[in-house]
N, C-alpha and C. Protein backbone atom coordinates (compact mmCIF):
# COMPACT_ATOMS: atom_id res chain seq x y z
N UNK A 1 -5.56 4.34 -3.34
CA UNK A 1 -5.80 5.42 -4.29
C UNK A 1 -4.81 6.57 -3.92
N UNK A 2 -4.22 7.12 -4.93
CA UNK A 2 -3.38 8.35 -4.71
C UNK A 2 -3.76 9.38 -5.76
N UNK A 3 -3.39 10.65 -5.38
CA UNK A 3 -3.61 11.74 -6.37
C UNK A 3 -2.26 12.35 -6.71
N UNK A 4 -2.05 12.55 -8.01
CA UNK A 4 -0.83 13.16 -8.48
C UNK A 4 -1.17 14.10 -9.61
N UNK A 5 -0.79 15.35 -9.60
CA UNK A 5 -1.07 16.35 -10.65
C UNK A 5 -2.49 16.35 -11.11
N UNK A 6 -3.43 16.33 -10.18
CA UNK A 6 -4.80 16.41 -10.55
C UNK A 6 -5.46 15.12 -11.05
N UNK A 7 -4.73 14.04 -11.13
CA UNK A 7 -5.31 12.72 -11.52
C UNK A 7 -5.28 11.75 -10.44
N UNK A 8 -6.40 11.08 -10.27
CA UNK A 8 -6.54 10.01 -9.24
C UNK A 8 -6.09 8.62 -9.86
N UNK A 9 -5.29 7.92 -9.08
CA UNK A 9 -4.81 6.58 -9.50
C UNK A 9 -5.38 5.56 -8.54
N UNK A 10 -6.23 4.68 -9.06
CA UNK A 10 -6.86 3.63 -8.28
C UNK A 10 -6.19 2.32 -8.60
N UNK A 11 -5.58 1.64 -7.63
CA UNK A 11 -4.84 0.44 -7.93
C UNK A 11 -5.41 -0.74 -7.14
N UNK A 12 -5.16 -1.96 -7.65
CA UNK A 12 -5.74 -3.15 -7.01
C UNK A 12 -4.88 -4.35 -7.42
N UNK A 13 -5.01 -5.46 -6.59
CA UNK A 13 -4.35 -6.70 -6.90
C UNK A 13 -5.28 -7.58 -7.62
N UNK A 14 -4.77 -8.32 -8.62
CA UNK A 14 -5.56 -9.23 -9.37
C UNK A 14 -5.00 -10.66 -9.29
N UNK A 15 -5.80 -11.67 -9.46
CA UNK A 15 -5.49 -13.06 -9.38
C UNK A 15 -5.23 -13.47 -7.92
N UNK A 16 -5.12 -14.71 -7.70
CA UNK A 16 -5.02 -15.34 -6.38
C UNK A 16 -3.68 -15.05 -5.71
N UNK A 17 -3.72 -14.50 -4.52
CA UNK A 17 -2.46 -14.15 -3.84
C UNK A 17 -1.61 -15.31 -3.58
N UNK A 18 -2.14 -16.55 -3.50
CA UNK A 18 -1.42 -17.79 -3.33
C UNK A 18 -0.70 -18.23 -4.57
N UNK A 19 -1.00 -17.61 -5.68
CA UNK A 19 -0.49 -18.05 -6.98
C UNK A 19 0.60 -17.15 -7.49
N UNK A 20 1.44 -17.56 -8.37
CA UNK A 20 2.57 -16.85 -8.90
C UNK A 20 2.14 -15.65 -9.81
N UNK A 21 0.84 -15.68 -10.29
CA UNK A 21 0.43 -14.66 -11.24
C UNK A 21 -0.21 -13.49 -10.59
N UNK A 22 -0.27 -13.39 -9.22
CA UNK A 22 -0.86 -12.21 -8.56
C UNK A 22 -0.08 -10.96 -9.05
N UNK A 23 -0.82 -9.89 -9.42
CA UNK A 23 -0.14 -8.67 -9.92
C UNK A 23 -0.96 -7.47 -9.57
N UNK A 24 -0.48 -6.29 -9.84
CA UNK A 24 -1.10 -5.01 -9.54
C UNK A 24 -1.49 -4.33 -10.83
N UNK A 25 -2.74 -3.88 -10.95
CA UNK A 25 -3.27 -3.21 -12.09
C UNK A 25 -3.75 -1.78 -11.56
N UNK A 26 -4.05 -0.92 -12.49
CA UNK A 26 -4.58 0.38 -12.11
C UNK A 26 -5.46 1.04 -13.17
N UNK A 27 -6.15 2.08 -12.69
CA UNK A 27 -6.98 2.94 -13.49
C UNK A 27 -6.79 4.35 -13.11
N UNK A 28 -7.17 5.29 -13.98
CA UNK A 28 -7.02 6.71 -13.66
C UNK A 28 -8.35 7.37 -13.83
N UNK A 29 -8.59 8.41 -13.09
CA UNK A 29 -9.82 9.17 -13.18
C UNK A 29 -9.66 10.59 -12.68
N UNK A 30 -10.60 11.43 -13.01
CA UNK A 30 -10.59 12.86 -12.66
C UNK A 30 -11.02 13.17 -11.20
N UNK A 31 -11.65 12.15 -10.59
CA UNK A 31 -12.08 12.41 -9.23
C UNK A 31 -12.02 11.04 -8.46
N UNK A 32 -12.17 11.03 -7.11
CA UNK A 32 -12.15 9.70 -6.45
C UNK A 32 -13.27 8.78 -6.80
N UNK A 33 -14.34 9.36 -7.44
CA UNK A 33 -15.44 8.52 -7.83
C UNK A 33 -15.40 8.16 -9.31
N UNK A 34 -14.36 8.55 -10.05
CA UNK A 34 -14.25 8.24 -11.45
C UNK A 34 -14.82 9.37 -12.30
N UNK A 35 -15.25 9.04 -13.54
CA UNK A 35 -15.18 7.76 -14.19
C UNK A 35 -13.75 7.24 -14.36
N UNK A 36 -13.60 5.95 -14.35
CA UNK A 36 -12.24 5.33 -14.38
C UNK A 36 -11.93 4.84 -15.82
N UNK A 37 -10.63 4.99 -16.14
CA UNK A 37 -10.05 4.42 -17.34
C UNK A 37 -9.01 3.37 -16.99
N UNK A 38 -9.29 2.11 -17.28
CA UNK A 38 -8.36 1.04 -16.95
C UNK A 38 -7.07 1.26 -17.74
N UNK A 39 -5.94 1.10 -17.09
CA UNK A 39 -4.64 1.38 -17.77
C UNK A 39 -3.79 0.10 -17.87
N UNK A 40 -4.12 -0.94 -17.13
CA UNK A 40 -3.35 -2.16 -17.27
C UNK A 40 -2.54 -2.54 -16.04
N UNK A 41 -1.61 -3.46 -16.20
CA UNK A 41 -0.75 -3.91 -15.16
C UNK A 41 0.49 -3.08 -14.96
N UNK A 42 0.84 -2.79 -13.68
CA UNK A 42 2.01 -2.03 -13.38
C UNK A 42 3.07 -2.82 -12.64
N UNK A 43 2.63 -3.93 -12.08
CA UNK A 43 3.58 -4.76 -11.28
C UNK A 43 3.21 -6.24 -11.47
N UNK A 44 4.15 -6.97 -11.93
CA UNK A 44 3.94 -8.44 -12.13
C UNK A 44 5.18 -9.22 -11.87
N UNK A 45 5.04 -10.51 -11.89
CA UNK A 45 6.14 -11.39 -11.54
C UNK A 45 7.35 -11.21 -12.51
N UNK A 46 8.48 -11.62 -11.97
CA UNK A 46 9.76 -11.58 -12.76
C UNK A 46 10.42 -13.03 -12.55
N UNK A 47 9.92 -14.00 -13.29
CA UNK A 47 10.35 -15.36 -12.98
C UNK A 47 11.80 -15.59 -13.25
N UNK A 48 12.44 -14.85 -14.13
CA UNK A 48 13.88 -15.07 -14.37
C UNK A 48 14.68 -14.69 -13.12
N UNK A 49 14.12 -13.93 -12.15
CA UNK A 49 14.72 -13.67 -10.91
C UNK A 49 14.10 -14.39 -9.77
N UNK A 50 13.14 -15.21 -10.06
CA UNK A 50 12.48 -16.04 -8.96
C UNK A 50 11.51 -15.17 -8.18
N UNK A 51 11.04 -14.06 -8.76
CA UNK A 51 10.05 -13.16 -8.06
C UNK A 51 8.65 -13.48 -8.61
N UNK A 52 7.79 -13.96 -7.76
CA UNK A 52 6.46 -14.41 -8.18
C UNK A 52 5.41 -13.79 -7.26
N UNK A 53 4.18 -13.78 -7.64
CA UNK A 53 3.06 -13.35 -6.85
C UNK A 53 3.14 -11.95 -6.30
N UNK A 54 3.43 -10.96 -7.04
CA UNK A 54 3.56 -9.62 -6.67
C UNK A 54 2.23 -8.88 -6.55
N UNK A 55 1.88 -8.54 -5.29
CA UNK A 55 0.61 -7.92 -5.08
C UNK A 55 0.44 -7.42 -3.71
N UNK A 56 -0.85 -7.06 -3.36
CA UNK A 56 -1.19 -6.48 -2.07
C UNK A 56 -0.19 -5.41 -1.66
N UNK A 57 -0.37 -4.26 -2.27
CA UNK A 57 0.56 -3.17 -2.20
C UNK A 57 0.06 -1.96 -1.52
N UNK A 58 0.94 -1.00 -1.38
CA UNK A 58 0.57 0.36 -0.92
C UNK A 58 1.59 1.28 -1.66
N UNK A 59 1.17 2.51 -1.87
CA UNK A 59 2.00 3.52 -2.53
C UNK A 59 2.33 4.62 -1.56
N UNK A 60 3.60 5.06 -1.57
CA UNK A 60 4.09 6.13 -0.67
C UNK A 60 4.73 7.16 -1.50
N UNK A 61 4.44 8.44 -1.16
CA UNK A 61 5.15 9.65 -1.77
C UNK A 61 5.97 10.27 -0.72
N UNK A 62 7.26 10.52 -1.12
CA UNK A 62 8.13 11.29 -0.26
C UNK A 62 7.61 12.74 -0.16
N UNK A 63 7.23 13.18 1.02
CA UNK A 63 6.59 14.49 1.16
C UNK A 63 7.48 15.60 0.51
N UNK A 64 6.78 16.46 -0.22
CA UNK A 64 7.45 17.60 -0.90
C UNK A 64 8.26 17.26 -2.10
N UNK A 65 8.11 16.01 -2.65
CA UNK A 65 8.78 15.58 -3.85
C UNK A 65 7.82 14.91 -4.79
N UNK A 66 8.34 14.53 -5.96
CA UNK A 66 7.59 13.65 -6.85
C UNK A 66 8.23 12.23 -6.91
N UNK A 67 8.83 11.88 -5.78
CA UNK A 67 9.44 10.56 -5.58
C UNK A 67 8.34 9.58 -5.00
N UNK A 68 8.09 8.55 -5.72
CA UNK A 68 6.96 7.57 -5.37
C UNK A 68 7.60 6.23 -5.20
N UNK A 69 7.06 5.42 -4.23
CA UNK A 69 7.47 4.05 -4.00
C UNK A 69 6.32 3.18 -3.83
N UNK A 70 6.44 1.87 -4.22
CA UNK A 70 5.41 0.92 -4.06
C UNK A 70 5.96 -0.16 -3.15
N UNK A 71 5.19 -0.45 -2.12
CA UNK A 71 5.50 -1.42 -1.09
C UNK A 71 4.56 -2.63 -1.37
N UNK A 72 5.12 -3.84 -1.49
CA UNK A 72 4.20 -4.96 -1.91
C UNK A 72 4.72 -6.31 -1.39
N UNK A 73 3.83 -7.28 -1.36
CA UNK A 73 4.25 -8.67 -1.07
C UNK A 73 4.66 -9.38 -2.29
N UNK A 74 5.44 -10.38 -2.13
CA UNK A 74 5.86 -11.27 -3.21
C UNK A 74 6.32 -12.54 -2.60
N UNK A 75 6.39 -13.60 -3.48
CA UNK A 75 7.09 -14.84 -3.12
C UNK A 75 8.40 -14.76 -3.91
N UNK A 76 9.49 -15.02 -3.25
CA UNK A 76 10.77 -15.03 -3.89
C UNK A 76 11.43 -16.35 -3.78
N UNK A 77 12.13 -16.74 -4.76
CA UNK A 77 13.00 -17.93 -4.79
C UNK A 77 14.42 -17.43 -4.93
N UNK A 78 15.36 -18.31 -4.72
CA UNK A 78 16.73 -17.91 -4.91
C UNK A 78 16.91 -17.60 -6.41
N UNK A 79 17.37 -16.37 -6.73
CA UNK A 79 17.51 -15.99 -8.12
C UNK A 79 18.94 -15.45 -8.29
N UNK A 80 19.22 -14.96 -9.55
CA UNK A 80 20.51 -14.53 -9.87
C UNK A 80 20.96 -13.31 -9.04
N UNK A 81 19.99 -12.48 -8.53
CA UNK A 81 20.37 -11.32 -7.86
C UNK A 81 20.68 -11.43 -6.39
N UNK A 82 20.53 -12.58 -5.87
CA UNK A 82 20.81 -12.82 -4.48
C UNK A 82 19.83 -13.73 -3.83
N UNK A 83 19.94 -13.97 -2.55
CA UNK A 83 19.03 -14.91 -1.85
C UNK A 83 17.57 -14.42 -1.79
N UNK A 84 16.67 -15.31 -1.86
CA UNK A 84 15.24 -15.02 -1.79
C UNK A 84 14.56 -15.89 -0.77
N UNK A 85 13.28 -15.90 -0.79
CA UNK A 85 12.51 -16.80 0.13
C UNK A 85 12.40 -18.19 -0.42
N UNK A 86 11.49 -18.93 0.19
CA UNK A 86 11.34 -20.35 -0.20
C UNK A 86 10.22 -20.54 -1.21
N UNK A 87 9.60 -19.51 -1.67
CA UNK A 87 8.57 -19.58 -2.68
C UNK A 87 7.16 -19.80 -2.13
N UNK A 88 7.05 -19.92 -0.85
CA UNK A 88 5.71 -20.10 -0.33
C UNK A 88 5.39 -19.08 0.74
N UNK A 89 6.33 -18.51 1.41
CA UNK A 89 6.15 -17.51 2.36
C UNK A 89 6.31 -16.11 1.75
N UNK A 90 5.28 -15.22 1.97
CA UNK A 90 5.39 -13.88 1.38
C UNK A 90 6.44 -13.09 2.18
N UNK A 91 7.05 -12.23 1.37
CA UNK A 91 8.02 -11.16 1.97
C UNK A 91 7.56 -9.85 1.43
N UNK A 92 7.94 -8.78 2.15
CA UNK A 92 7.59 -7.49 1.84
C UNK A 92 8.78 -6.72 1.24
N UNK A 93 8.58 -5.92 0.21
CA UNK A 93 9.71 -5.26 -0.39
C UNK A 93 9.22 -3.83 -0.82
N UNK A 94 10.15 -3.02 -1.25
CA UNK A 94 9.84 -1.62 -1.73
C UNK A 94 10.63 -1.39 -3.03
N UNK A 95 9.92 -0.91 -4.06
CA UNK A 95 10.59 -0.54 -5.29
C UNK A 95 10.04 0.85 -5.71
N UNK A 96 10.75 1.47 -6.61
CA UNK A 96 10.38 2.78 -7.13
C UNK A 96 9.16 2.69 -8.05
N UNK A 97 8.28 3.68 -7.97
CA UNK A 97 7.11 3.80 -8.83
C UNK A 97 7.33 5.09 -9.64
N UNK A 98 7.40 4.98 -10.92
CA UNK A 98 7.67 6.17 -11.74
C UNK A 98 6.51 6.43 -12.76
N UNK A 99 6.44 7.67 -13.11
CA UNK A 99 5.40 8.13 -13.99
C UNK A 99 5.97 8.54 -15.32
N UNK A 100 5.31 8.25 -16.45
CA UNK A 100 5.68 8.68 -17.78
C UNK A 100 5.33 10.15 -17.89
N UNK A 101 5.79 10.82 -18.94
CA UNK A 101 5.48 12.20 -19.19
C UNK A 101 3.92 12.47 -19.35
N UNK A 102 3.26 11.47 -19.88
CA UNK A 102 1.79 11.60 -20.04
C UNK A 102 1.01 11.25 -18.79
N UNK A 103 1.72 10.97 -17.68
CA UNK A 103 0.99 10.69 -16.43
C UNK A 103 0.70 9.25 -16.18
N UNK A 104 0.89 8.43 -17.15
CA UNK A 104 0.69 6.96 -16.91
C UNK A 104 1.79 6.44 -16.04
N UNK A 105 1.52 5.32 -15.35
CA UNK A 105 2.56 4.72 -14.54
C UNK A 105 3.35 3.75 -15.31
N UNK A 106 4.72 3.90 -15.21
CA UNK A 106 5.62 3.04 -15.88
C UNK A 106 5.60 1.65 -15.25
N UNK A 107 5.72 0.54 -15.95
CA UNK A 107 5.75 -0.75 -15.32
C UNK A 107 6.87 -0.78 -14.30
N UNK A 108 6.64 -1.33 -13.08
CA UNK A 108 7.60 -1.44 -12.04
C UNK A 108 8.40 -2.71 -12.31
N UNK A 109 9.68 -2.59 -12.24
CA UNK A 109 10.56 -3.74 -12.36
C UNK A 109 10.88 -4.27 -11.00
N UNK A 110 10.29 -5.44 -10.53
CA UNK A 110 10.58 -5.96 -9.21
C UNK A 110 12.02 -6.32 -9.08
N UNK A 111 12.61 -5.97 -7.93
CA UNK A 111 13.97 -6.26 -7.67
C UNK A 111 14.17 -7.18 -6.48
N UNK A 112 15.23 -7.89 -6.41
CA UNK A 112 15.46 -8.70 -5.12
C UNK A 112 16.01 -7.84 -4.10
N UNK A 113 16.75 -6.76 -4.39
CA UNK A 113 17.39 -5.96 -3.34
C UNK A 113 16.51 -4.88 -2.82
N UNK A 114 15.40 -4.53 -3.44
CA UNK A 114 14.57 -3.40 -3.02
C UNK A 114 15.23 -2.11 -3.31
N UNK A 115 14.74 -0.98 -2.80
CA UNK A 115 15.39 0.31 -3.01
C UNK A 115 16.46 0.50 -1.92
N UNK A 116 17.44 1.34 -2.27
CA UNK A 116 18.44 1.68 -1.29
C UNK A 116 17.83 2.52 -0.26
N UNK A 117 18.30 2.57 0.97
CA UNK A 117 17.69 3.46 1.97
C UNK A 117 17.72 4.93 1.47
N UNK A 118 16.58 5.57 1.76
CA UNK A 118 16.38 6.96 1.33
C UNK A 118 16.06 7.77 2.58
N UNK A 119 16.78 8.88 2.68
CA UNK A 119 16.51 9.84 3.80
C UNK A 119 16.39 11.22 3.14
N UNK A 120 15.25 11.84 3.46
CA UNK A 120 15.08 13.20 3.02
C UNK A 120 14.62 14.02 4.29
N UNK A 121 15.12 15.21 4.32
CA UNK A 121 14.76 16.06 5.44
C UNK A 121 14.56 17.46 4.93
N UNK A 122 13.56 18.15 5.42
CA UNK A 122 13.30 19.53 5.00
C UNK A 122 14.63 20.33 5.19
N UNK A 123 14.94 21.24 4.24
CA UNK A 123 16.23 21.91 4.29
C UNK A 123 16.35 22.94 5.37
N UNK A 124 15.26 23.65 5.75
CA UNK A 124 15.44 24.73 6.69
C UNK A 124 14.16 24.90 7.48
N UNK A 125 14.32 25.59 8.63
CA UNK A 125 13.13 25.84 9.47
C UNK A 125 12.31 26.88 8.79
N UNK A 126 11.01 26.88 9.13
CA UNK A 126 10.11 27.87 8.65
C UNK A 126 10.38 29.22 9.27
N UNK A 127 9.65 30.28 8.88
CA UNK A 127 9.89 31.62 9.40
C UNK A 127 9.64 31.76 10.85
N UNK A 128 8.76 30.86 11.37
CA UNK A 128 8.53 30.91 12.82
C UNK A 128 9.55 30.08 13.61
N UNK A 129 10.53 29.59 12.94
CA UNK A 129 11.58 28.85 13.66
C UNK A 129 11.28 27.37 13.93
N UNK A 130 10.13 26.91 13.51
CA UNK A 130 9.71 25.52 13.72
C UNK A 130 10.18 24.67 12.52
N UNK A 131 11.05 23.72 12.79
CA UNK A 131 11.49 22.82 11.73
C UNK A 131 10.34 21.94 11.26
N UNK A 132 10.06 21.89 9.91
CA UNK A 132 8.97 21.07 9.41
C UNK A 132 9.02 19.58 9.82
N UNK A 133 10.20 19.03 10.15
CA UNK A 133 10.33 17.66 10.58
C UNK A 133 9.69 16.61 9.61
N UNK A 134 9.99 16.79 8.35
CA UNK A 134 9.51 15.86 7.33
C UNK A 134 10.69 14.93 7.03
N UNK A 135 10.42 13.65 7.27
CA UNK A 135 11.44 12.62 7.02
C UNK A 135 10.80 11.48 6.24
N UNK A 136 11.58 10.75 5.48
CA UNK A 136 11.17 9.52 4.84
C UNK A 136 12.26 8.57 5.00
N UNK A 137 11.98 7.34 5.54
CA UNK A 137 12.98 6.33 5.73
C UNK A 137 12.38 5.09 5.15
N UNK A 138 13.10 4.44 4.21
CA UNK A 138 12.68 3.25 3.59
C UNK A 138 13.82 2.25 3.69
N UNK A 139 13.55 1.07 4.23
CA UNK A 139 14.51 0.01 4.28
C UNK A 139 13.88 -1.25 3.83
N UNK A 140 14.60 -2.24 3.46
CA UNK A 140 14.11 -3.51 3.01
C UNK A 140 13.58 -4.25 4.25
N UNK A 141 12.47 -4.82 4.18
CA UNK A 141 11.91 -5.64 5.25
C UNK A 141 10.68 -4.95 5.83
N UNK A 142 9.63 -5.68 6.18
CA UNK A 142 8.41 -5.10 6.62
C UNK A 142 8.55 -4.33 7.90
N UNK A 143 9.37 -4.71 8.83
CA UNK A 143 9.44 -3.99 10.09
C UNK A 143 10.29 -2.73 10.00
N UNK A 144 10.93 -2.58 8.84
CA UNK A 144 11.84 -1.38 8.63
C UNK A 144 11.21 -0.26 7.80
N UNK A 145 10.02 -0.52 7.30
CA UNK A 145 9.33 0.44 6.41
C UNK A 145 8.68 1.50 7.33
N UNK A 146 9.03 2.71 7.22
CA UNK A 146 8.39 3.78 8.08
C UNK A 146 8.36 5.03 7.31
N UNK A 147 7.23 5.72 7.45
CA UNK A 147 7.18 7.11 6.95
C UNK A 147 6.79 7.94 8.19
N UNK A 148 7.69 8.84 8.49
CA UNK A 148 7.55 9.76 9.62
C UNK A 148 6.93 11.06 9.15
N UNK A 149 5.62 11.27 9.56
CA UNK A 149 4.95 12.47 9.09
C UNK A 149 5.28 13.66 9.95
N UNK A 150 5.07 14.87 9.38
CA UNK A 150 5.35 16.09 10.14
C UNK A 150 4.47 16.13 11.47
N UNK A 151 5.05 16.80 12.41
CA UNK A 151 4.26 17.05 13.64
C UNK A 151 3.16 18.05 13.24
N UNK A 152 1.98 17.86 13.87
CA UNK A 152 0.92 18.81 13.57
C UNK A 152 1.11 20.02 14.41
N UNK A 153 1.14 21.15 13.82
CA UNK A 153 1.34 22.44 14.54
C UNK A 153 -0.01 23.17 14.50
N UNK A 154 -0.43 23.81 15.61
CA UNK A 154 -1.64 24.54 15.65
C UNK A 154 -1.52 25.70 14.67
N UNK A 155 -2.53 25.94 13.86
CA UNK A 155 -2.55 26.98 12.89
C UNK A 155 -3.64 27.96 13.21
N UNK A 156 -3.36 29.30 13.20
CA UNK A 156 -4.38 30.26 13.53
C UNK A 156 -5.51 30.19 12.47
N UNK A 157 -6.74 30.48 12.87
CA UNK A 157 -7.84 30.58 11.98
C UNK A 157 -7.71 31.76 11.09
N UNK A 158 -8.23 31.69 9.90
CA UNK A 158 -8.18 32.88 8.96
C UNK A 158 -8.90 34.07 9.62
N UNK A 159 -8.23 35.15 9.59
CA UNK A 159 -8.81 36.44 10.19
C UNK A 159 -8.56 36.55 11.64
N UNK A 160 -8.01 35.49 12.33
CA UNK A 160 -7.79 35.57 13.74
C UNK A 160 -6.48 36.27 13.99
N UNK A 161 -6.38 37.07 15.06
CA UNK A 161 -5.14 37.83 15.35
C UNK A 161 -4.14 36.96 16.08
């Protein structure tokens, strides 16, 4: 579940993960407890590229931006976009997740190449001279997906001197 602009997005995988029809659907709601409005499928197979069984996902937001990414499993076969898997072993990939003007999620188009590496860094140090240290690094492959979160800095209590 993620929250964006006051709306909660609850997502799940449907169908058997061992089958080519595994896909991701979602619903929206005003709170983490709903009520939920089912919105439909946002990620499904792309057989013309040999991409099947898209599911078991996670969603990542680049801190301080409205850039969203979906990380998911798939079965891939050799397709027109480049080499893939053997169709039985799952591989992990990352693609962009985009929102329409009305807040609904646009259907994700699965790619063979995944997203290009993305690096974002906070532009400047804060007034106290501490660099926020916000980074996002996405690469193709399960062992290369990393989100580096800011270091936690002690914050004074309200009213404390």
